């Protein structure tokens, strides 16, 4: 079974929201400046969405670790 591109986009967005919140929190602890932390998170949000999408599409073409769905007539 293959995933459709829009599923990869939805997964990328949901993961990036989580990842960006983490980046903002870590950046704030490191810099002590909320404005700088938000700036870092904002830039990182878009670059990593693109990278994750490409990563997902490449892995979607690789058979490693996948099993074919069984059909009723197979034993």
Protein backbone atom coordinates (compact mmCIF):
# COMPACT_ATOMS: atom_id res chain seq x y z
CA UNK A 1 0.00 0.00 0.00
CA UNK A 2 1.34 3.42 -0.92
CA UNK A 3 0.59 6.69 0.79
CA UNK A 4 -0.84 9.54 -1.22
CA UNK A 5 1.08 12.83 -1.29
CA UNK A 6 -1.55 14.70 0.75
CA UNK A 7 -1.07 12.22 3.59
CA UNK A 8 2.65 13.00 3.60
CA UNK A 9 1.81 16.71 3.71
CA UNK A 10 -0.56 16.24 6.68
CA UNK A 11 2.05 14.18 8.54
CA UNK A 12 4.73 16.77 7.80
CA UNK A 13 2.56 19.60 9.12
CA UNK A 14 1.54 17.82 12.32
CA UNK A 15 5.11 16.77 13.05
CA UNK A 16 6.51 20.22 12.34
CA UNK A 17 4.09 21.93 14.72
CA UNK A 18 5.39 19.63 17.45
CA UNK A 19 9.01 20.05 16.38
CA UNK A 20 8.76 23.82 16.06
CA UNK A 21 7.31 24.19 19.55
CA UNK A 22 10.25 22.19 20.82
CA UNK A 23 12.71 24.35 18.87
CA UNK A 24 11.16 27.56 20.23
CA UNK A 25 11.34 26.30 23.82
CA UNK A 26 14.96 25.12 23.46
CA UNK A 27 15.94 28.35 21.68
CA UNK A 28 14.39 30.39 24.46
CA UNK A 29 16.29 28.46 27.14
CA UNK A 30 19.56 28.89 25.24
CA UNK A 31 19.14 32.57 24.29
CA UNK A 32 16.78 33.88 26.97
CA UNK A 33 15.08 35.95 24.26
CA UNK A 34 11.56 35.04 23.20
CA UNK A 35 11.68 37.12 20.02
CA UNK A 36 14.85 35.37 18.83
CA UNK A 37 13.42 31.97 19.79
CA UNK A 38 10.25 32.65 17.76
CA UNK A 39 12.34 33.79 14.78
CA UNK A 40 14.39 30.61 14.87
CA UNK A 41 11.21 28.52 15.15
CA UNK A 42 9.56 30.35 12.26
CA UNK A 43 12.44 29.77 9.84
CA UNK A 44 12.89 26.18 10.97
CA UNK A 45 9.18 25.46 10.48
CA UNK A 46 9.27 25.98 6.72
CA UNK A 47 12.64 24.44 5.95
CA UNK A 48 11.88 21.27 7.86
CA UNK A 49 8.40 20.84 6.35
CA UNK A 50 10.01 20.74 2.93
CA UNK A 51 12.75 18.36 4.04
CA UNK A 52 10.28 16.03 5.75
CA UNK A 53 8.00 15.94 2.70
CA UNK A 54 10.89 14.96 0.42
CA UNK A 55 12.06 12.39 2.98
CA UNK A 56 8.57 10.83 3.14
CA UNK A 57 8.20 10.67 -0.66
CA UNK A 58 11.58 8.97 -1.04
CA UNK A 59 10.75 6.41 1.67
CA UNK A 60 7.39 5.79 0.02
CA UNK A 61 9.30 4.39 -2.98
CA UNK A 62 11.42 2.01 -0.87
CA UNK A 63 10.02 -1.46 -0.21
CA UNK A 64 12.18 -2.05 2.87
CA UNK A 65 10.06 -3.13 5.85
CA UNK A 66 6.77 -3.37 3.98
CA UNK A 67 4.54 -6.38 3.63
CA UNK A 68 2.16 -6.94 0.78
CA UNK A 69 -1.49 -7.04 1.82
CA UNK A 70 -2.83 -10.59 1.90
CA UNK A 71 -5.66 -11.47 -0.43
CA UNK A 72 -8.52 -13.70 0.69
CA UNK A 73 -7.54 -16.44 -1.77
CA UNK A 74 -3.92 -16.62 -0.53
CA UNK A 75 -3.02 -19.16 2.11
